[in-house]
C-alpha atoms as a PDB file:
ATOM      1  CA  MET A   1    -191.072 -27.572-111.780  1.00  0.00           C
ATOM      2  CA  LYS A   2    -190.911 -25.459-114.394  1.00  0.00           C
ATOM      3  CA  GLU A   3    -189.552 -22.605-112.400  1.00  0.00           C
ATOM      4  CA  LYS A   4    -186.704 -25.336-111.065  1.00  0.00           C
ATOM      5  CA  TRP A   5    -185.608 -26.385-114.483  1.00  0.00           C
ATOM      6  CA  GLN A   6    -185.278 -22.643-115.349  1.00  0.00           C
ATOM      7  CA  SER A   7    -182.871 -21.985-112.532  1.00  0.00           C
ATOM      8  CA  ILE A   8    -180.711 -24.523-113.152  1.00  0.00           C
ATOM      9  CA  ARG A   9    -180.687 -23.658-116.784  1.00  0.00           C
ATOM     10  CA  GLY A  10    -179.952 -19.822-115.754  1.00  0.00           C
ATOM     11  CA  PHE A  11    -177.182 -21.253-113.515  1.00  0.00           C
ATOM     12  CA  PHE A  12    -175.397 -22.722-116.183  1.00  0.00           C
ATOM     13  CA  ARG A  13    -175.612 -20.234-118.507  1.00  0.00           C
ATOM     14  CA  LYS A  14    -174.457 -17.431-115.946  1.00  0.00           C
ATOM     15  CA  ASN A  15    -171.843 -19.593-114.990  1.00  0.00           C
ATOM     16  CA  SER A  16    -170.904 -21.378-117.983  1.00  0.00           C
ATOM     17  CA  ARG A  17    -167.383 -18.847-118.157  1.00  0.00           C
ATOM     18  CA  LYS A  18    -166.623 -20.662-114.845  1.00  0.00           C
ATOM     19  CA  LEU A  19    -167.956 -24.332-115.250  1.00  0.00           C
ATOM     20  CA  ILE A  20    -166.369 -24.924-118.772  1.00  0.00           C
ATOM     21  CA  PRO A  21    -162.980 -24.483-117.642  1.00  0.00           C
ATOM     22  CA  LEU A  22    -163.719 -26.867-114.399  1.00  0.00           C
ATOM     23  CA  LEU A  23    -165.264 -29.733-116.221  1.00  0.00           C
ATOM     24  CA  LEU A  24    -162.510 -29.303-118.867  1.00  0.00           C
ATOM     25  CA  LEU A  25    -159.714 -29.619-115.607  1.00  0.00           C
ATOM     26  CA  ALA A  26    -161.796 -32.517-114.244  1.00  0.00           C
ATOM     27  CA  ALA A  27    -161.932 -34.443-117.584  1.00  0.00           C
ATOM     28  CA  ILE A  28    -157.885 -34.102-118.204  1.00  0.00           C
ATOM     29  CA  LEU A  29    -157.298 -35.073-114.381  1.00  0.00           C
ATOM     30  CA  LEU A  30    -160.091 -37.944-114.963  1.00  0.00           C
ATOM     31  CA  PRO A  31    -157.568 -40.917-116.205  1.00  0.00           C
ATOM     32  CA  ILE A  32    -154.950 -39.759-113.677  1.00  0.00           C
ATOM     33  CA  VAL A  33    -157.177 -40.558-110.477  1.00  0.00           C
ATOM     34  CA  VAL A  34    -159.198 -43.295-111.969  1.00  0.00           C
ATOM     35  CA  ASP A  35    -156.766 -46.233-112.564  1.00  0.00           C
ATOM     36  CA  ASN A  36    -159.483 -48.911-113.952  1.00  0.00           C
ATOM     37  CA  SER A  37    -159.364 -49.731-117.377  1.00  0.00           C
ATOM     38  CA  TYR A  38    -162.962 -50.609-117.639  1.00  0.00           C
ATOM     39  CA  VAL A  39    -164.369 -47.374-116.271  1.00  0.00           C
ATOM     40  CA  LEU A  40    -161.980 -45.643-118.775  1.00  0.00           C
ATOM     41  CA  GLY A  41    -162.961 -47.571-121.551  1.00  0.00           C
ATOM     42  CA  ILE A  42    -166.709 -46.753-120.913  1.00  0.00           C
ATOM     43  CA  CYS A  43    -165.572 -42.535-120.750  1.00  0.00           C
ATOM     44  CA  THR A  44    -163.717 -43.276-124.015  1.00  0.00           C
ATOM     45  CA  LYS A  45    -166.819 -44.544-125.744  1.00  0.00           C
ATOM     46  CA  ILE A  46    -169.199 -41.571-124.245  1.00  0.00           C
ATOM     47  CA  LEU A  47    -166.453 -39.421-125.382  1.00  0.00           C
ATOM     48  CA  LEU A  48    -166.620 -41.068-128.947  1.00  0.00           C
ATOM     49  CA  TYR A  49    -170.332 -40.728-129.239  1.00  0.00           C
ATOM     50  CA  MET A  50    -169.825 -37.323-128.379  1.00  0.00           C
ATOM     51  CA  LEU A  51    -167.662 -36.155-131.390  1.00  0.00           C
ATOM     52  CA  LEU A  52    -170.390 -38.681-133.433  1.00  0.00           C
ATOM     53  CA  ALA A  53    -173.790 -36.762-132.038  1.00  0.00           C
ATOM     54  CA  SER A  54    -171.896 -33.195-132.245  1.00  0.00           C
ATOM     55  CA  SER A  55    -171.157 -34.044-135.979  1.00  0.00           C
ATOM     56  CA  VAL A  56    -174.856 -34.997-136.392  1.00  0.00           C
ATOM     57  CA  ASN A  57    -175.960 -31.978-135.102  1.00  0.00           C
ATOM     58  CA  VAL A  58    -173.855 -29.833-136.813  1.00  0.00           C
ATOM     59  CA  ILE A  59    -176.332 -31.160-140.278  1.00  0.00           C
ATOM     60  CA  ASN A  60    -179.359 -31.703-138.380  1.00  0.00           C
ATOM     61  CA  GLY A  61    -179.234 -29.104-135.637  1.00  0.00           C
ATOM     62  CA  TYR A  62    -177.967 -26.044-137.318  1.00  0.00           C
ATOM     63  CA  SER A  63    -178.455 -26.378-140.997  1.00  0.00           C
ATOM     64  CA  GLY A  64    -181.830 -28.203-140.324  1.00  0.00           C
ATOM     65  CA  GLN A  65    -181.000 -30.616-142.679  1.00  0.00           C
ATOM     66  CA  PHE A  66    -182.584 -34.138-142.149  1.00  0.00           C
ATOM     67  CA  ALA A  67    -179.668 -36.379-142.387  1.00  0.00           C
ATOM     68  CA  ILE A  68    -180.173 -40.372-141.262  1.00  0.00           C
ATOM     69  CA  GLY A  69    -177.895 -42.576-142.912  1.00  0.00           C
ATOM     70  CA  HIS A  70    -174.378 -41.148-140.536  1.00  0.00           C
ATOM     71  CA  ALA A  71    -173.409 -44.546-140.198  1.00  0.00           C
ATOM     72  CA  GLY A  72    -172.616 -44.891-143.629  1.00  0.00           C
ATOM     73  CA  PHE A  73    -170.414 -41.780-143.142  1.00  0.00           C
ATOM     74  CA  LEU A  74    -168.583 -43.223-140.170  1.00  0.00           C
ATOM     75  CA  CYS A  75    -167.963 -46.664-142.077  1.00  0.00           C
ATOM     76  CA  VAL A  76    -166.492 -44.886-144.818  1.00  0.00           C
ATOM     77  CA  GLY A  77    -163.822 -43.194-142.263  1.00  0.00           C
ATOM     78  CA  ALA A  78    -163.068 -46.159-140.405  1.00  0.00           C
ATOM     79  CA  TYR A  79    -162.318 -48.269-143.447  1.00  0.00           C
ATOM     80  CA  THR A  80    -160.219 -45.921-145.052  1.00  0.00           C
ATOM     81  CA  ALA A  81    -158.263 -45.576-141.816  1.00  0.00           C
ATOM     82  CA  ALA A  82    -157.978 -49.327-141.317  1.00  0.00           C
ATOM     83  CA  ILE A  83    -157.001 -49.725-145.084  1.00  0.00           C
ATOM     84  CA  LEU A  84    -154.358 -47.125-144.793  1.00  0.00           C
ATOM     85  CA  MET A  85    -152.959 -48.515-141.151  1.00  0.00           C
ATOM     86  CA  ALA A  86    -153.054 -52.029-141.420  1.00  0.00           C
ATOM     87  CA  ARG A  87    -151.804 -52.295-145.420  1.00  0.00           C
ATOM     88  CA  ALA A  88    -149.802 -49.130-146.043  1.00  0.00           C
ATOM     89  CA  ASN A  89    -148.416 -48.697-142.521  1.00  0.00           C
ATOM     90  CA  VAL A  90    -149.495 -45.366-142.419  1.00  0.00           C
ATOM     91  CA  PRO A  91    -149.143 -43.635-138.652  1.00  0.00           C
ATOM     92  CA  PHE A  92    -152.312 -42.859-136.947  1.00  0.00           C
ATOM     93  CA  PHE A  93    -152.884 -39.431-137.111  1.00  0.00           C
ATOM     94  CA  LEU A  94    -152.178 -39.002-140.621  1.00  0.00           C
ATOM     95  CA  ALA A  95    -154.552 -41.927-141.283  1.00  0.00           C
ATOM     96  CA  MET A  96    -156.987 -40.060-139.433  1.00  0.00           C
ATOM     97  CA  LEU A  97    -156.566 -37.039-141.344  1.00  0.00           C
ATOM     98  CA  GLY A  98    -156.862 -39.341-144.324  1.00  0.00           C
ATOM     99  CA  ALA A  99    -160.163 -40.683-143.495  1.00  0.00           C
ATOM    100  CA  GLY A 100    -161.582 -37.497-142.423  1.00  0.00           C
ATOM    101  CA  VAL A 101    -160.900 -35.880-145.873  1.00  0.00           C
ATOM    102  CA  MET A 102    -162.377 -39.264-147.907  1.00  0.00           C
ATOM    103  CA  THR A 103    -165.182 -39.229-145.789  1.00  0.00           C
ATOM    104  CA  ALA A 104    -165.670 -35.309-146.290  1.00  0.00           C
ATOM    105  CA  LEU A 105    -165.422 -35.896-150.399  1.00  0.00           C
ATOM    106  CA  PHE A 106    -168.287 -38.680-150.131  1.00  0.00           C
ATOM    107  CA  GLY A 107    -170.256 -36.082-148.220  1.00  0.00           C
ATOM    108  CA  MET A 108    -169.582 -33.555-150.826  1.00  0.00           C
ATOM    109  CA  LEU A 109    -170.890 -36.383-153.495  1.00  0.00           C
ATOM    110  CA  VAL A 110    -173.850 -37.002-151.608  1.00  0.00           C
ATOM    111  CA  SER A 111    -174.798 -33.173-151.232  1.00  0.00           C
ATOM    112  CA  PHE A 112    -174.715 -32.301-154.846  1.00  0.00           C
ATOM    113  CA  PRO A 113    -177.789 -34.667-155.808  1.00  0.00           C
ATOM    114  CA  ILE A 114    -179.615 -33.920-152.574  1.00  0.00           C
ATOM    115  CA  GLY A 115    -179.025 -30.099-152.577  1.00  0.00           C
ATOM    116  CA  LYS A 116    -182.702 -29.544-153.932  1.00  0.00           C
ATOM    117  CA  LEU A 117    -184.450 -32.137-150.839  1.00  0.00           C
ATOM    118  CA  SER A 118    -185.713 -31.622-147.760  1.00  0.00           C
ATOM    119  CA  GLY A 119    -187.275 -33.270-145.072  1.00  0.00           C
ATOM    120  CA  ILE A 120    -187.953 -36.960-145.299  1.00  0.00           C
ATOM    121  CA  TYR A 121    -186.609 -37.330-148.855  1.00  0.00           C
ATOM    122  CA  LEU A 122    -183.495 -36.123-147.447  1.00  0.00           C
ATOM    123  CA  GLY A 123    -183.579 -38.857-144.770  1.00  0.00           C
ATOM    124  CA  PHE A 124    -184.215 -41.542-147.226  1.00  0.00           C
ATOM    125  CA  VAL A 125    -181.867 -40.738-149.565  1.00  0.00           C
ATOM    126  CA  THR A 126    -178.737 -40.510-146.803  1.00  0.00           C
ATOM    127  CA  LEU A 127    -180.369 -43.504-145.535  1.00  0.00           C
ATOM    128  CA  GLY A 128    -179.902 -45.219-148.733  1.00  0.00           C
ATOM    129  CA  PHE A 129    -176.349 -44.077-149.362  1.00  0.00           C
ATOM    130  CA  SER A 130    -175.556 -45.469-145.740  1.00  0.00           C
ATOM    131  CA  GLU A 131    -176.659 -49.169-146.443  1.00  0.00           C
ATOM    132  CA  ILE A 132    -174.848 -49.158-150.375  1.00  0.00           C
ATOM    133  CA  VAL A 133    -171.681 -48.158-148.339  1.00  0.00           C
ATOM    134  CA  ARG A 134    -172.287 -50.950-145.978  1.00  0.00           C
ATOM    135  CA  ILE A 135    -172.910 -53.355-148.635  1.00  0.00           C
ATOM    136  CA  ILE A 136    -170.147 -52.600-150.388  1.00  0.00           C
ATOM    137  CA  CYS A 137    -167.645 -53.264-147.752  1.00  0.00           C
ATOM    138  CA  LEU A 138    -169.511 -56.452-147.120  1.00  0.00           C
ATOM    139  CA  ASN A 139    -169.013 -57.782-150.823  1.00  0.00           C
ATOM    140  CA  TRP A 140    -166.031 -56.075-151.911  1.00  0.00           C
ATOM    141  CA  THR A 141    -163.550 -58.960-150.191  1.00  0.00           C
ATOM    142  CA  SER A 142    -160.258 -57.774-152.179  1.00  0.00           C
ATOM    143  CA  VAL A 143    -160.150 -54.328-150.343  1.00  0.00           C
ATOM    144  CA  THR A 144    -162.357 -54.653-147.497  1.00  0.00           C
ATOM    145  CA  GLY A 145    -162.119 -58.296-146.471  1.00  0.00           C
ATOM    146  CA  GLY A 146    -165.506 -58.970-147.092  1.00  0.00           C
ATOM    147  CA  PRO A 147    -167.566 -60.696-144.032  1.00  0.00           C
ATOM    148  CA  MET A 148    -164.178 -60.876-142.340  1.00  0.00           C
ATOM    149  CA  GLY A 149    -163.393 -57.443-142.229  1.00  0.00           C
ATOM    150  CA  ILE A 150    -160.004 -55.571-141.607  1.00  0.00           C
ATOM    151  CA  LYS A 151    -158.195 -57.271-138.706  1.00  0.00           C
ATOM    152  CA  ALA A 152    -154.512 -56.492-136.934  1.00  0.00           C
ATOM    153  CA  ILE A 153    -155.094 -52.695-137.163  1.00  0.00           C
ATOM    154  CA  PRO A 154    -151.934 -51.136-135.150  1.00  0.00           C
ATOM    155  CA  GLY A 155    -152.651 -48.719-132.142  1.00  0.00           C
ATOM    156  CA  PRO A 156    -151.664 -44.858-132.133  1.00  0.00           C
ATOM    157  CA  LYS A 157    -148.015 -43.791-131.617  1.00  0.00           C
ATOM    158  CA  ILE A 158    -146.522 -40.454-131.455  1.00  0.00           C
ATOM    159  CA  PHE A 159    -142.832 -39.675-132.021  1.00  0.00           C
ATOM    160  CA  GLY A 160    -142.420 -43.541-131.787  1.00  0.00           C
ATOM    161  CA  PHE A 161    -143.793 -43.763-128.283  1.00  0.00           C
ATOM    162  CA  SER A 162    -147.124 -45.837-128.400  1.00  0.00           C
ATOM    163  CA  LEU A 163    -150.346 -44.457-126.985  1.00  0.00           C
ATOM    164  CA  GLN A 164    -152.045 -48.149-127.163  1.00  0.00           C
ATOM    165  CA  SER A 165    -153.558 -47.888-123.389  1.00  0.00           C
ATOM    166  CA  SER A 166    -157.021 -46.935-121.955  1.00  0.00           C
ATOM    167  CA  ARG A 167    -155.378 -43.285-121.100  1.00  0.00           C
ATOM    168  CA  GLY A 168    -153.748 -42.919-124.489  1.00  0.00           C
ATOM    169  CA  TYR A 169    -157.196 -43.725-126.320  1.00  0.00           C
ATOM    170  CA  TYR A 170    -159.106 -41.558-123.722  1.00  0.00           C
ATOM    171  CA  TYR A 171    -156.596 -38.248-124.463  1.00  0.00           C
ATOM    172  CA  ILE A 172    -157.053 -38.753-128.284  1.00  0.00           C
ATOM    173  CA  ILE A 173    -160.780 -38.779-128.592  1.00  0.00           C
ATOM    174  CA  PHE A 174    -161.038 -36.217-125.850  1.00  0.00           C
ATOM    175  CA  THR A 175    -158.440 -33.828-127.597  1.00  0.00           C
ATOM    176  CA  PHE A 176    -160.524 -34.557-130.995  1.00  0.00           C
ATOM    177  CA  LEU A 177    -163.764 -33.622-129.316  1.00  0.00           C
ATOM    178  CA  VAL A 178    -162.028 -30.492-127.821  1.00  0.00           C
ATOM    179  CA  ILE A 179    -161.077 -29.099-131.243  1.00  0.00           C
ATOM    180  CA  MET A 180    -164.278 -30.200-132.919  1.00  0.00           C
ATOM    181  CA  VAL A 181    -166.425 -28.576-130.334  1.00  0.00           C
ATOM    182  CA  PHE A 182    -164.221 -25.279-130.165  1.00  0.00           C
ATOM    183  CA  CYS A 183    -164.071 -25.419-134.290  1.00  0.00           C
ATOM    184  CA  THR A 184    -168.015 -25.463-134.280  1.00  0.00           C
ATOM    185  CA  SER A 185    -168.643 -23.055-132.209  1.00  0.00           C
ATOM    186  CA  ARG A 186    -166.476 -20.315-134.171  1.00  0.00           C
ATOM    187  CA  ILE A 187    -167.970 -21.296-137.117  1.00  0.00           C
ATOM    188  CA  LEU A 188    -171.503 -20.578-135.777  1.00  0.00           C
ATOM    189  CA  LYS A 189    -170.157 -16.922-134.869  1.00  0.00           C
ATOM    190  CA  SER A 190    -168.844 -16.433-138.317  1.00  0.00           C
ATOM    191  CA  ARG A 191    -170.996 -16.065-141.467  1.00  0.00           C
ATOM    192  CA  THR A 192    -170.766 -19.533-142.477  1.00  0.00           C
ATOM    193  CA  GLY A 193    -172.652 -20.332-139.131  1.00  0.00           C
ATOM    194  CA  ARG A 194    -175.049 -17.747-139.726  1.00  0.00           C
ATOM    195  CA  ALA A 195    -175.829 -18.645-143.325  1.00  0.00           C
ATOM    196  CA  TRP A 196    -176.355 -22.496-142.104  1.00  0.00           C
ATOM    197  CA  ILE A 197    -178.995 -20.815-139.459  1.00  0.00           C
ATOM    198  CA  SER A 198    -180.857 -18.951-141.872  1.00  0.00           C
ATOM    199  CA  ILE A 199    -181.148 -21.808-143.995  1.00  0.00           C
ATOM    200  CA  ARG A 200    -182.496 -23.922-141.076  1.00  0.00           C
ATOM    201  CA  GLU A 201    -184.845 -20.889-140.507  1.00  0.00           C
ATOM    202  CA  ASN A 202    -186.022 -20.493-143.843  1.00  0.00           C
ATOM    203  CA  GLY A 203    -184.237 -21.404-146.719  1.00  0.00           C
ATOM    204  CA  ALA A 204    -186.534 -19.659-149.142  1.00  0.00           C
ATOM    205  CA  ALA A 205    -185.554 -16.366-147.322  1.00  0.00           C
ATOM    206  CA  ALA A 206    -182.087 -17.228-147.071  1.00  0.00           C
ATOM    207  CA  ALA A 207    -181.837 -17.541-150.737  1.00  0.00           C
ATOM    208  CA  SER A 208    -183.872 -14.260-151.253  1.00  0.00           C
ATOM    209  CA  ILE A 209    -181.160 -12.059-149.382  1.00  0.00           C
ATOM    210  CA  GLY A 210    -178.042 -13.799-151.868  1.00  0.00           C
ATOM    211  CA  ILE A 211    -177.243 -16.934-149.783  1.00  0.00           C
ATOM    212  CA  ASN A 212    -176.064 -19.445-151.893  1.00  0.00           C
ATOM    213  CA  THR A 213    -177.946 -22.293-150.115  1.00  0.00           C
ATOM    214  CA  ALA A 214    -176.570 -25.216-152.046  1.00  0.00           C
ATOM    215  CA  GLN A 215    -173.109 -24.292-151.463  1.00  0.00           C
ATOM    216  CA  TYR A 216    -173.533 -23.827-147.687  1.00  0.00           C
ATOM    217  CA  LYS A 217    -175.537 -26.759-147.491  1.00  0.00           C
ATOM    218  CA  THR A 218    -172.518 -28.527-148.977  1.00  0.00           C
ATOM    219  CA  MET A 219    -169.794 -26.955-146.921  1.00  0.00           C
ATOM    220  CA  ASN A 220    -172.131 -27.903-143.863  1.00  0.00           C
ATOM    221  CA  ILE A 221    -172.134 -31.614-144.937  1.00  0.00           C
ATOM    222  CA  MET A 222    -168.294 -31.496-145.316  1.00  0.00           C
ATOM    223  CA  TYR A 223    -167.860 -30.363-142.435  1.00  0.00           C
ATOM    224  CA  ALA A 224    -170.053 -32.431-140.221  1.00  0.00           C
ATOM    225  CA  THR A 225    -168.884 -35.795-142.667  1.00  0.00           C
ATOM    226  CA  PHE A 226    -165.069 -34.913-141.849  1.00  0.00           C
ATOM    227  CA  TRP A 227    -165.375 -35.217-138.124  1.00  0.00           C
ATOM    228  CA  GLU A 228    -167.292 -38.424-138.760  1.00  0.00           C
ATOM    229  CA  GLY A 229    -164.528 -40.185-140.918  1.00  0.00           C
ATOM    230  CA  CYS A 230    -162.363 -38.862-137.706  1.00  0.00           C
ATOM    231  CA  ALA A 231    -164.545 -40.824-135.592  1.00  0.00           C
ATOM    232  CA  GLY A 232    -164.742 -43.706-137.877  1.00  0.00           C
ATOM    233  CA  ALA A 233    -160.627 -43.818-137.988  1.00  0.00           C
ATOM    234  CA  PHE A 234    -160.672 -43.412-134.072  1.00  0.00           C
ATOM    235  CA  MET A 235    -163.154 -46.392-133.714  1.00  0.00           C
ATOM    236  CA  ALA A 236    -160.418 -48.723-136.420  1.00  0.00           C
ATOM    237  CA  THR A 237    -157.548 -48.177-134.240  1.00  0.00           C
ATOM    238  CA  TYR A 238    -159.414 -48.519-130.674  1.00  0.00           C
ATOM    239  CA  TYR A 239    -161.023 -51.678-131.543  1.00  0.00           C
ATOM    240  CA  HIS A 240    -158.115 -52.837-133.983  1.00  0.00           C
ATOM    241  CA  PHE A 241    -160.803 -54.217-136.315  1.00  0.00           C
ATOM    242  CA  VAL A 242    -163.446 -53.367-138.573  1.00  0.00           C
ATOM    243  CA  ASP A 243    -166.327 -55.139-140.237  1.00  0.00           C
ATOM    244  CA  SER A 244    -169.726 -54.101-142.102  1.00  0.00           C
ATOM    245  CA  SER A 245    -171.989 -55.330-139.051  1.00  0.00           C
ATOM    246  CA  MET A 246    -170.568 -52.463-137.091  1.00  0.00           C
ATOM    247  CA  PHE A 247    -172.255 -49.795-139.066  1.00  0.00           C
ATOM    248  CA  VAL A 248    -176.015 -51.118-139.582  1.00  0.00           C
ATOM    249  CA  THR A 249    -178.846 -48.692-139.311  1.00  0.00           C
ATOM    250  CA  ASP A 250    -179.354 -49.238-135.909  1.00  0.00           C
ATOM    251  CA  GLU A 251    -176.193 -47.161-135.359  1.00  0.00           C
ATOM    252  CA  SER A 252    -177.497 -44.170-137.473  1.00  0.00           C
ATOM    253  CA  PHE A 253    -180.406 -44.061-135.196  1.00  0.00           C
ATOM    254  CA  ASN A 254    -178.559 -44.387-132.352  1.00  0.00           C
ATOM    255  CA  ILE A 255    -176.351 -41.406-132.558  1.00  0.00           C
ATOM    256  CA  LEU A 256    -179.159 -39.311-134.335  1.00  0.00           C
ATOM    257  CA  SER A 257    -181.172 -40.346-131.193  1.00  0.00           C
ATOM    258  CA  MET A 258    -178.269 -38.594-128.533  1.00  0.00           C
ATOM    259  CA  ALA A 259    -178.061 -35.466-130.404  1.00  0.00           C
ATOM    260  CA  ILE A 260    -182.290 -35.010-130.339  1.00  0.00           C
ATOM    261  CA  ILE A 261    -182.433 -36.208-126.463  1.00  0.00           C
ATOM    262  CA  GLY A 262    -179.742 -33.701-125.535  1.00  0.00           C
ATOM    263  CA  GLY A 263    -181.102 -31.081-127.932  1.00  0.00           C
ATOM    264  CA  MET A 264    -179.945 -30.349-131.231  1.00  0.00           C
ATOM    265  CA  GLY A 265    -178.984 -26.696-132.172  1.00  0.00           C
ATOM    266  CA  THR A 266    -176.897 -26.668-129.505  1.00  0.00           C
ATOM    267  CA  ILE A 267    -173.294 -26.768-128.211  1.00  0.00           C
ATOM    268  CA  ALA A 268    -174.366 -28.628-125.158  1.00  0.00           C
ATOM    269  CA  GLY A 269    -176.696 -30.684-126.178  1.00  0.00           C
ATOM    270  CA  PRO A 270    -175.083 -33.441-128.051  1.00  0.00           C
ATOM    271  CA  LEU A 271    -172.866 -33.796-125.289  1.00  0.00           C
ATOM    272  CA  VAL A 272    -175.381 -34.191-122.798  1.00  0.00           C
ATOM    273  CA  GLY A 273    -177.306 -36.432-124.901  1.00  0.00           C
ATOM    274  CA  ALA A 274    -174.569 -39.061-125.523  1.00  0.00           C
ATOM    275  CA  LEU A 275    -173.634 -39.009-121.827  1.00  0.00           C
ATOM    276  CA  LEU A 276    -177.052 -39.926-120.906  1.00  0.00           C
ATOM    277  CA  ILE A 277    -177.753 -42.476-123.306  1.00  0.00           C
ATOM    278  CA  ASN A 278    -174.284 -44.485-122.986  1.00  0.00           C
ATOM    279  CA  ILE A 279    -174.780 -44.160-118.843  1.00  0.00           C
ATOM    280  CA  VAL A 280    -178.194 -45.794-119.277  1.00  0.00           C
ATOM    281  CA  THR A 281    -177.019 -48.606-121.607  1.00  0.00           C
ATOM    282  CA  GLU A 282    -174.252 -49.298-119.206  1.00  0.00           C
ATOM    283  CA  ALA A 283    -176.055 -49.098-116.318  1.00  0.00           C
ATOM    284  CA  PHE A 284    -178.895 -51.383-117.426  1.00  0.00           C
ATOM    285  CA  ARG A 285    -176.495 -53.904-118.723  1.00  0.00           C
ATOM    286  CA  PHE A 286    -177.429 -56.614-116.515  1.00  0.00           C
ATOM    287  CA  LEU A 287    -180.517 -57.073-118.170  1.00  0.00           C
ATOM    288  CA  SER A 288    -179.039 -58.042-121.245  1.00  0.00           C
ATOM    289  CA  GLU A 289    -181.025 -57.501-124.539  1.00  0.00           C
ATOM    290  CA  TYR A 290    -184.112 -56.354-122.284  1.00  0.00           C
ATOM    291  CA  ARG A 291    -182.015 -53.248-121.669  1.00  0.00           C
ATOM    292  CA  MET A 292    -183.008 -51.875-124.845  1.00  0.00           C
ATOM    293  CA  VAL A 293    -186.418 -51.833-123.628  1.00  0.00           C
ATOM    294  CA  VAL A 294    -185.833 -49.592-121.110  1.00  0.00           C
ATOM    295  CA  TYR A 295    -183.543 -47.485-123.532  1.00  0.00           C
ATOM    296  CA  ALA A 296    -186.398 -47.141-125.607  1.00  0.00           C
ATOM    297  CA  LEU A 297    -188.750 -46.167-122.801  1.00  0.00           C
ATOM    298  CA  ILE A 298    -186.290 -43.433-121.834  1.00  0.00           C
ATOM    299  CA  ILE A 299    -186.280 -42.327-125.365  1.00  0.00           C
ATOM    300  CA  ILE A 300    -190.105 -42.033-125.462  1.00  0.00           C
ATOM    301  CA  GLY A 301    -190.388 -40.091-122.263  1.00  0.00           C
ATOM    302  CA  MET A 302    -187.817 -37.509-123.356  1.00  0.00           C
ATOM    303  CA  MET A 303    -189.889 -36.975-126.425  1.00  0.00           C
ATOM    304  CA  TRP A 304    -192.699 -36.709-124.208  1.00  0.00           C
ATOM    305  CA  LEU A 305    -191.781 -34.484-121.654  1.00  0.00           C
ATOM    306  CA  ARG A 306    -188.962 -32.704-123.206  1.00  0.00           C
ATOM    307  CA  PRO A 307    -189.169 -32.849-127.195  1.00  0.00           C
ATOM    308  CA  GLN A 308    -186.289 -30.252-127.590  1.00  0.00           C
ATOM    309  CA  GLY A 309    -183.970 -31.871-125.714  1.00  0.00           C
ATOM    310  CA  ILE A 310    -182.161 -31.338-122.001  1.00  0.00           C
ATOM    311  CA  ALA A 311    -180.308 -28.663-123.443  1.00  0.00           C
ATOM    312  CA  GLY A 312    -183.325 -26.898-125.129  1.00  0.00           C
ATOM    313  CA  SER A 313    -184.590 -23.794-124.552  1.00  0.00           C
ATOM    314  CA  SER A 314    -188.058 -23.994-125.195  1.00  0.00           C
ATOM    315  CA  ASP A 315    -190.611 -25.204-122.398  1.00  0.00           C
ATOM    316  CA  SER A 316    -191.338 -28.445-121.415  1.00  0.00           C
ATOM    317  CA  VAL A 317    -194.439 -30.600-122.229  1.00  0.00           C
ATOM    318  CA  LEU A 318    -193.894 -31.535-118.324  1.00  0.00           C
ATOM    319  CA  VAL A 319    -194.659 -28.276-117.680  1.00  0.00           C
ATOM    320  CA  SER A 320    -198.434 -28.193-119.400  1.00  0.00           C
ATOM    321  CA  GLY A 321    -198.767 -31.347-118.280  1.00  0.00           C
ATOM    322  CA  GLY A 322    -199.656 -32.329-121.610  1.00  0.00           C
ATOM    323  CA  SER A 323    -203.064 -31.047-121.568  1.00  0.00           C
ATOM    324  CA  LYS A 324    -204.903 -29.360-124.615  1.00  0.00           C
ATOM    325  CA  LYS A 325    -204.407 -26.166-122.650  1.00  0.00           C
ATOM    326  CA  GLY A 326    -201.008 -26.606-121.996  1.00  0.00           C
ATOM    327  CA  ARG A 327    -200.159 -27.211-125.726  1.00  0.00           C
ATOM    328  CA  ALA A 328    -202.558 -24.420-126.462  1.00  0.00           C
ATOM    329  CA  ARG A 329    -200.071 -22.060-124.161  1.00  0.00           C
ATOM    330  CA  ARG A 330    -197.001 -23.648-126.224  1.00  0.00           C
ATOM    331  CA  ARG A 331    -198.525 -22.762-129.558  1.00  0.00           C
ATOM    332  CA  THR A 332    -198.838 -19.142-128.201  1.00  0.00           C
ATOM    333  CA  ALA A 333    -196.066 -18.884-126.753  1.00  0.00           C
ATOM    334  CA  HIS A 334    -194.156 -20.335-129.717  1.00  0.00           C
ATOM    335  CA  PRO A 335    -195.501 -19.261-132.881  1.00  0.00           C
ATOM    336  CA  LYS A 336    -194.601 -20.278-136.161  1.00  0.00           C
ATOM    337  CA  PRO A 337    -192.293 -18.132-137.887  1.00  0.00           C
ATOM    338  CA  VAL A 338    -193.690 -15.718-140.293  1.00  0.00           C
ATOM    339  CA  GLN A 339    -192.892 -16.025-144.212  1.00  0.00           C
ATOM    340  CA  PRO A 340    -191.472 -12.933-145.495  1.00  0.00           C
ATOM    341  CA  GLU A 341    -193.375 -10.475-148.201  1.00  0.00           C
ATOM    342  CA  THR A 342    -191.031 -10.739-150.735  1.00  0.00           C
ATOM    343  CA  GLU A 343    -193.374  -8.693-153.544  1.00  0.00           C
ATOM    344  CA  LYS A 344    -193.653  -5.820-151.104  1.00  0.00           C
ATOM    345  CA  GLU A 345    -191.967  -2.609-152.610  1.00  0.00           C
ATOM    346  CA  GLY A 346    -190.474   0.223-151.388  1.00  0.00           C
END
């Protein structure tokens, strides 16, 4: 099993330069080949969650910050775009940009008080922020519409041409996903990306070599929340309606689970996780509310068999059979990082 899995991963790594253009071409041609609104709707939803899971991965996967309340940022983006489009008649793409900037500003404000927090404490703060935003949107009737939400949000247009179709929505979210993944991959190769990863691996060591950890954490959160705001704006125009019930805590955990199952700290992980979770959800839709039981069992199974995620690089628990001997072998193969000697003089 281990050899088979490694051979599959090796094949994708070796042929990634050939496979990526083929996958992009297939994704571009899909709406042309498939003339089914229901199928395209599912594909559009998958792409939306790929964008969200990738945004979560930037914070939780690359800088190692344990943020949970992502639905709050999604809520800010959705309501910002809804207000701009439905009440100020702002074009969709400008509204999406405005939603992204507004959400990034909220991300910056949140990053200031949590700059020195980590772990579960950071998670609780972001979760609290998410609930505060949702409750404000629920009760600020004059601005957000209160429990009724904001309705009749217009569809997207470009140069006067309406993109309000299954294909139009698909290509919009696909374009933004490609841009986001490309920008993220370029950032990771830059000084900023290396700083994020250094902070994730050892914040104290990163600070000791001159990395401004607070500044880079803020940049990390602002970048990720910008894309979450853009995703929220797309939700507003796609559903033509927003209300606070769309941004409950369950949504935060749903998005986070996609990134974890796919494999955080990787480009492909969130994409694979979002694809798998959404396919499973649709495949078991006939079970009504009981499909969530199947969904939960799959998550538990993945966490046990492959806790590092589908696209992760470490050995799977499945290989070691979950035995004490196997777990000991995993600990030996992947020792904890050694703390730097800060007091050693030359």
